[in-house]
Amino acid sequence: DIENGGEKMRTVIGVLVAFLPGSALAVTCDGSADFLTVENWAVEEVAGVVSGIDISVDIKSNSLRPFRMIDASYTFEDTLGRYISGFKIDPDLKAKPGETVTTTNGYMGSEMDRVLKMDRSDVVVSTCTRAVVYSDGSKEGFN
């Protein structure tokens, strides 16, 4: 029964490899991909006591109403649709219709190192919005 056990182990290893950062497939948005638009982004290596990466993303609100709270994220993928990394947007982000706001994250993992080496045109940054609280207190969910 060692043969059968070996087959199970290969299956487990195959499943684990599918979830490694470099081999992940494109992420599907479970909300609205159009509520926010990425206008610009920057990734910079930061040296200091601990080295890391600063990520700044300029996000434009496509909402017709101002909002004061949001459940949203942005992801980095390559042009082949492979997931690189993703980040939650500050839930207290506020924006008026058409306004562009900047969100900044610090990062100390290895996945974003790839973006530093890539040609900028091979990096795709997209957003996904799951819910929003408008300035008048009303809520809207997207799915």
C-alpha atoms as a PDB file:
ATOM      1  CA  ASP A   1       0.000   0.000   0.000  1.00  0.00           C
ATOM      2  CA  ILE A   2       3.078   2.264  -0.172  1.00  0.00           C
ATOM      3  CA  GLU A   3       2.264   2.952  -3.821  1.00  0.00           C
ATOM      4  CA  ASN A   4      -1.184   4.275  -2.876  1.00  0.00           C
ATOM      5  CA  GLY A   5       0.321   6.426  -0.098  1.00  0.00           C
ATOM      6  CA  GLY A   6       2.832   7.873  -2.560  1.00  0.00           C
ATOM      7  CA  GLU A   7       0.015   8.862  -4.929  1.00  0.00           C
ATOM      8  CA  LYS A   8      -1.792  10.657  -2.097  1.00  0.00           C
ATOM      9  CA  MET A   9       1.410  12.528  -1.205  1.00  0.00           C
ATOM     10  CA  ARG A  10       1.892  13.672  -4.825  1.00  0.00           C
ATOM     11  CA  THR A  11      -1.691  14.963  -4.834  1.00  0.00           C
ATOM     12  CA  VAL A  12      -1.170  16.913  -1.598  1.00  0.00           C
ATOM     13  CA  ILE A  13       2.072  18.412  -2.892  1.00  0.00           C
ATOM     14  CA  GLY A  14       0.378  19.368  -6.177  1.00  0.00           C
ATOM     15  CA  VAL A  15      -2.407  21.157  -4.312  1.00  0.00           C
ATOM     16  CA  LEU A  16       0.108  23.029  -2.116  1.00  0.00           C
ATOM     17  CA  VAL A  17       2.143  24.150  -5.148  1.00  0.00           C
ATOM     18  CA  ALA A  18      -1.017  25.549  -6.754  1.00  0.00           C
ATOM     19  CA  PHE A  19      -1.319  28.019  -3.871  1.00  0.00           C
ATOM     20  CA  LEU A  20       2.268  29.310  -3.914  1.00  0.00           C
ATOM     21  CA  PRO A  21       2.463  33.053  -4.712  1.00  0.00           C
ATOM     22  CA  GLY A  22       4.362  32.722  -7.998  1.00  0.00           C
ATOM     23  CA  SER A  23       2.062  30.102  -9.434  1.00  0.00           C
ATOM     24  CA  ALA A  24      -1.319  31.551  -8.517  1.00  0.00           C
ATOM     25  CA  LEU A  25      -3.802  32.312 -11.250  1.00  0.00           C
ATOM     26  CA  ALA A  26      -5.673  35.580 -11.714  1.00  0.00           C
ATOM     27  CA  VAL A  27      -7.986  36.603  -8.903  1.00  0.00           C
ATOM     28  CA  THR A  28     -11.668  37.050  -9.680  1.00  0.00           C
ATOM     29  CA  CYS A  29     -13.333  40.073  -8.094  1.00  0.00           C
ATOM     30  CA  ASP A  30     -16.196  39.088  -5.783  1.00  0.00           C
ATOM     31  CA  GLY A  31     -17.668  42.591  -5.948  1.00  0.00           C
ATOM     32  CA  SER A  32     -17.436  45.574  -8.312  1.00  0.00           C
ATOM     33  CA  ALA A  33     -14.284  45.996 -10.391  1.00  0.00           C
ATOM     34  CA  ASP A  34     -15.578  49.368 -11.693  1.00  0.00           C
ATOM     35  CA  PHE A  35     -16.424  51.326  -8.523  1.00  0.00           C
ATOM     36  CA  LEU A  36     -12.774  52.437  -8.175  1.00  0.00           C
ATOM     37  CA  THR A  37     -10.140  52.881 -10.889  1.00  0.00           C
ATOM     38  CA  VAL A  38      -6.360  52.773 -10.423  1.00  0.00           C
ATOM     39  CA  GLU A  39      -4.994  56.001 -11.923  1.00  0.00           C
ATOM     40  CA  ASN A  40      -1.328  55.511 -11.025  1.00  0.00           C
ATOM     41  CA  TRP A  41       0.883  53.437  -8.755  1.00  0.00           C
ATOM     42  CA  ALA A  42       4.436  53.378  -7.404  1.00  0.00           C
ATOM     43  CA  VAL A  43       6.499  50.710  -5.692  1.00  0.00           C
ATOM     44  CA  GLU A  44       9.720  51.787  -3.993  1.00  0.00           C
ATOM     45  CA  GLU A  45      12.302  49.856  -2.044  1.00  0.00           C
ATOM     46  CA  VAL A  46      12.880  51.322   1.411  1.00  0.00           C
ATOM     47  CA  ALA A  47      16.141  50.780   3.273  1.00  0.00           C
ATOM     48  CA  GLY A  48      16.522  51.241   6.984  1.00  0.00           C
ATOM     49  CA  VAL A  49      16.604  49.127  10.108  1.00  0.00           C
ATOM     50  CA  VAL A  50      14.338  46.684   8.273  1.00  0.00           C
ATOM     51  CA  SER A  51      14.160  46.835   4.490  1.00  0.00           C
ATOM     52  CA  GLY A  52      10.777  46.762   2.837  1.00  0.00           C
ATOM     53  CA  ILE A  53       8.663  48.212   0.084  1.00  0.00           C
ATOM     54  CA  ASP A  54       6.354  51.243   0.054  1.00  0.00           C
ATOM     55  CA  ILE A  55       3.369  50.889  -2.259  1.00  0.00           C
ATOM     56  CA  SER A  56       1.357  53.959  -3.274  1.00  0.00           C
ATOM     57  CA  VAL A  57      -1.768  53.647  -5.389  1.00  0.00           C
ATOM     58  CA  ASP A  58      -3.798  56.579  -6.714  1.00  0.00           C
ATOM     59  CA  ILE A  59      -7.428  55.473  -6.807  1.00  0.00           C
ATOM     60  CA  LYS A  60     -10.239  57.379  -8.539  1.00  0.00           C
ATOM     61  CA  SER A  61     -13.815  57.117  -7.250  1.00  0.00           C
ATOM     62  CA  ASN A  62     -16.283  56.296 -10.022  1.00  0.00           C
ATOM     63  CA  SER A  63     -19.156  56.572  -7.533  1.00  0.00           C
ATOM     64  CA  LEU A  64     -21.959  59.009  -8.261  1.00  0.00           C
ATOM     65  CA  ARG A  65     -22.146  59.804  -4.513  1.00  0.00           C
ATOM     66  CA  PRO A  66     -19.505  60.618  -1.891  1.00  0.00           C
ATOM     67  CA  PHE A  67     -18.610  57.745   0.433  1.00  0.00           C
ATOM     68  CA  ARG A  68     -17.055  57.583   3.901  1.00  0.00           C
ATOM     69  CA  MET A  69     -16.265  53.879   4.377  1.00  0.00           C
ATOM     70  CA  ILE A  70     -15.368  51.060   2.016  1.00  0.00           C
ATOM     71  CA  ASP A  71     -14.613  47.347   1.874  1.00  0.00           C
ATOM     72  CA  ALA A  72     -12.222  47.137  -1.062  1.00  0.00           C
ATOM     73  CA  SER A  73      -8.820  45.868  -2.115  1.00  0.00           C
ATOM     74  CA  TYR A  74      -6.334  46.172  -4.941  1.00  0.00           C
ATOM     75  CA  THR A  75      -4.242  43.462  -6.549  1.00  0.00           C
ATOM     76  CA  PHE A  76      -1.062  43.283  -8.565  1.00  0.00           C
ATOM     77  CA  GLU A  77      -0.932  40.752 -11.408  1.00  0.00           C
ATOM     78  CA  ASP A  78       1.336  40.291 -14.382  1.00  0.00           C
ATOM     79  CA  THR A  79       0.087  40.638 -17.961  1.00  0.00           C
ATOM     80  CA  LEU A  80      -0.300  36.849 -18.133  1.00  0.00           C
ATOM     81  CA  GLY A  81      -2.895  37.096 -15.360  1.00  0.00           C
ATOM     82  CA  ARG A  82      -0.742  35.598 -12.607  1.00  0.00           C
ATOM     83  CA  TYR A  83      -1.415  36.961  -9.125  1.00  0.00           C
ATOM     84  CA  ILE A  84       1.536  38.733  -7.482  1.00  0.00           C
ATOM     85  CA  SER A  85       0.040  40.248  -4.312  1.00  0.00           C
ATOM     86  CA  GLY A  86      -3.023  42.027  -2.965  1.00  0.00           C
ATOM     87  CA  PHE A  87      -3.797  44.606  -0.290  1.00  0.00           C
ATOM     88  CA  LYS A  88      -6.857  45.855   1.592  1.00  0.00           C
ATOM     89  CA  ILE A  89      -7.742  49.492   1.066  1.00  0.00           C
ATOM     90  CA  ASP A  90      -8.096  51.552   4.260  1.00  0.00           C
ATOM     91  CA  PRO A  91     -11.729  50.972   5.309  1.00  0.00           C
ATOM     92  CA  ASP A  92     -12.054  54.624   6.379  1.00  0.00           C
ATOM     93  CA  LEU A  93     -11.107  55.944   2.942  1.00  0.00           C
ATOM     94  CA  LYS A  94     -13.352  58.845   1.956  1.00  0.00           C
ATOM     95  CA  ALA A  95     -13.866  60.149  -1.574  1.00  0.00           C
ATOM     96  CA  LYS A  96     -16.190  62.397  -3.536  1.00  0.00           C
ATOM     97  CA  PRO A  97     -17.425  61.500  -7.037  1.00  0.00           C
ATOM     98  CA  GLY A  98     -14.520  61.687  -9.478  1.00  0.00           C
ATOM     99  CA  GLU A  99     -11.984  62.388  -6.717  1.00  0.00           C
ATOM    100  CA  THR A 100      -8.603  60.644  -6.805  1.00  0.00           C
ATOM    101  CA  VAL A 101      -7.143  59.650  -3.444  1.00  0.00           C
ATOM    102  CA  THR A 102      -3.822  58.001  -2.610  1.00  0.00           C
ATOM    103  CA  THR A 103      -3.526  54.918  -0.447  1.00  0.00           C
ATOM    104  CA  THR A 104      -0.122  53.797   0.840  1.00  0.00           C
ATOM    105  CA  ASN A 105       0.919  50.434   2.242  1.00  0.00           C
ATOM    106  CA  GLY A 106       4.204  49.206   3.633  1.00  0.00           C
ATOM    107  CA  TYR A 107       5.228  45.673   2.719  1.00  0.00           C
ATOM    108  CA  MET A 108       7.991  43.350   3.875  1.00  0.00           C
ATOM    109  CA  GLY A 109       7.230  40.147   1.914  1.00  0.00           C
ATOM    110  CA  SER A 110       9.050  38.772  -1.091  1.00  0.00           C
ATOM    111  CA  GLU A 111       6.220  38.714  -3.672  1.00  0.00           C
ATOM    112  CA  MET A 112       6.411  42.438  -4.397  1.00  0.00           C
ATOM    113  CA  ASP A 113      10.165  42.204  -5.075  1.00  0.00           C
ATOM    114  CA  ARG A 114       9.131  40.858  -8.470  1.00  0.00           C
ATOM    115  CA  VAL A 115       7.332  44.131  -9.309  1.00  0.00           C
ATOM    116  CA  LEU A 116      10.557  46.064  -8.674  1.00  0.00           C
ATOM    117  CA  LYS A 117      12.262  44.049 -11.434  1.00  0.00           C
ATOM    118  CA  MET A 118       9.400  43.909 -13.941  1.00  0.00           C
ATOM    119  CA  ASP A 119       8.769  46.216 -16.865  1.00  0.00           C
ATOM    120  CA  ARG A 120       6.036  48.581 -15.655  1.00  0.00           C
ATOM    121  CA  SER A 121       3.871  47.775 -18.686  1.00  0.00           C
ATOM    122  CA  ASP A 122       3.771  44.117 -17.577  1.00  0.00           C
ATOM    123  CA  VAL A 123       2.149  44.989 -14.221  1.00  0.00           C
ATOM    124  CA  VAL A 124      -1.643  45.196 -13.938  1.00  0.00           C
ATOM    125  CA  VAL A 125      -3.143  46.804 -10.821  1.00  0.00           C
ATOM    126  CA  SER A 126      -6.884  46.445 -10.337  1.00  0.00           C
ATOM    127  CA  THR A 127      -9.444  47.088  -7.611  1.00  0.00           C
ATOM    128  CA  CYS A 128     -12.371  45.168  -6.186  1.00  0.00           C
ATOM    129  CA  THR A 129     -15.069  46.836  -4.071  1.00  0.00           C
ATOM    130  CA  ARG A 130     -17.359  44.646  -1.979  1.00  0.00           C
ATOM    131  CA  ALA A 131     -19.326  47.251   0.002  1.00  0.00           C
ATOM    132  CA  VAL A 132     -19.520  50.985   0.636  1.00  0.00           C
ATOM    133  CA  VAL A 133     -21.099  53.371   3.148  1.00  0.00           C
ATOM    134  CA  TYR A 134     -22.122  56.618   1.508  1.00  0.00           C
ATOM    135  CA  SER A 135     -21.826  59.993   3.273  1.00  0.00           C
ATOM    136  CA  ASP A 136     -25.581  59.986   4.023  1.00  0.00           C
ATOM    137  CA  GLY A 137     -25.191  56.677   5.940  1.00  0.00           C
ATOM    138  CA  SER A 138     -26.806  54.439   3.335  1.00  0.00           C
ATOM    139  CA  LYS A 139     -24.969  51.225   2.454  1.00  0.00           C
ATOM    140  CA  GLU A 140     -24.492  49.324  -0.786  1.00  0.00           C
ATOM    141  CA  GLY A 141     -23.018  45.884  -1.302  1.00  0.00           C
ATOM    142  CA  PHE A 142     -21.643  44.487  -4.545  1.00  0.00           C
ATOM    143  CA  ASN A 143     -21.529  40.839  -5.572  1.00  0.00           C
END
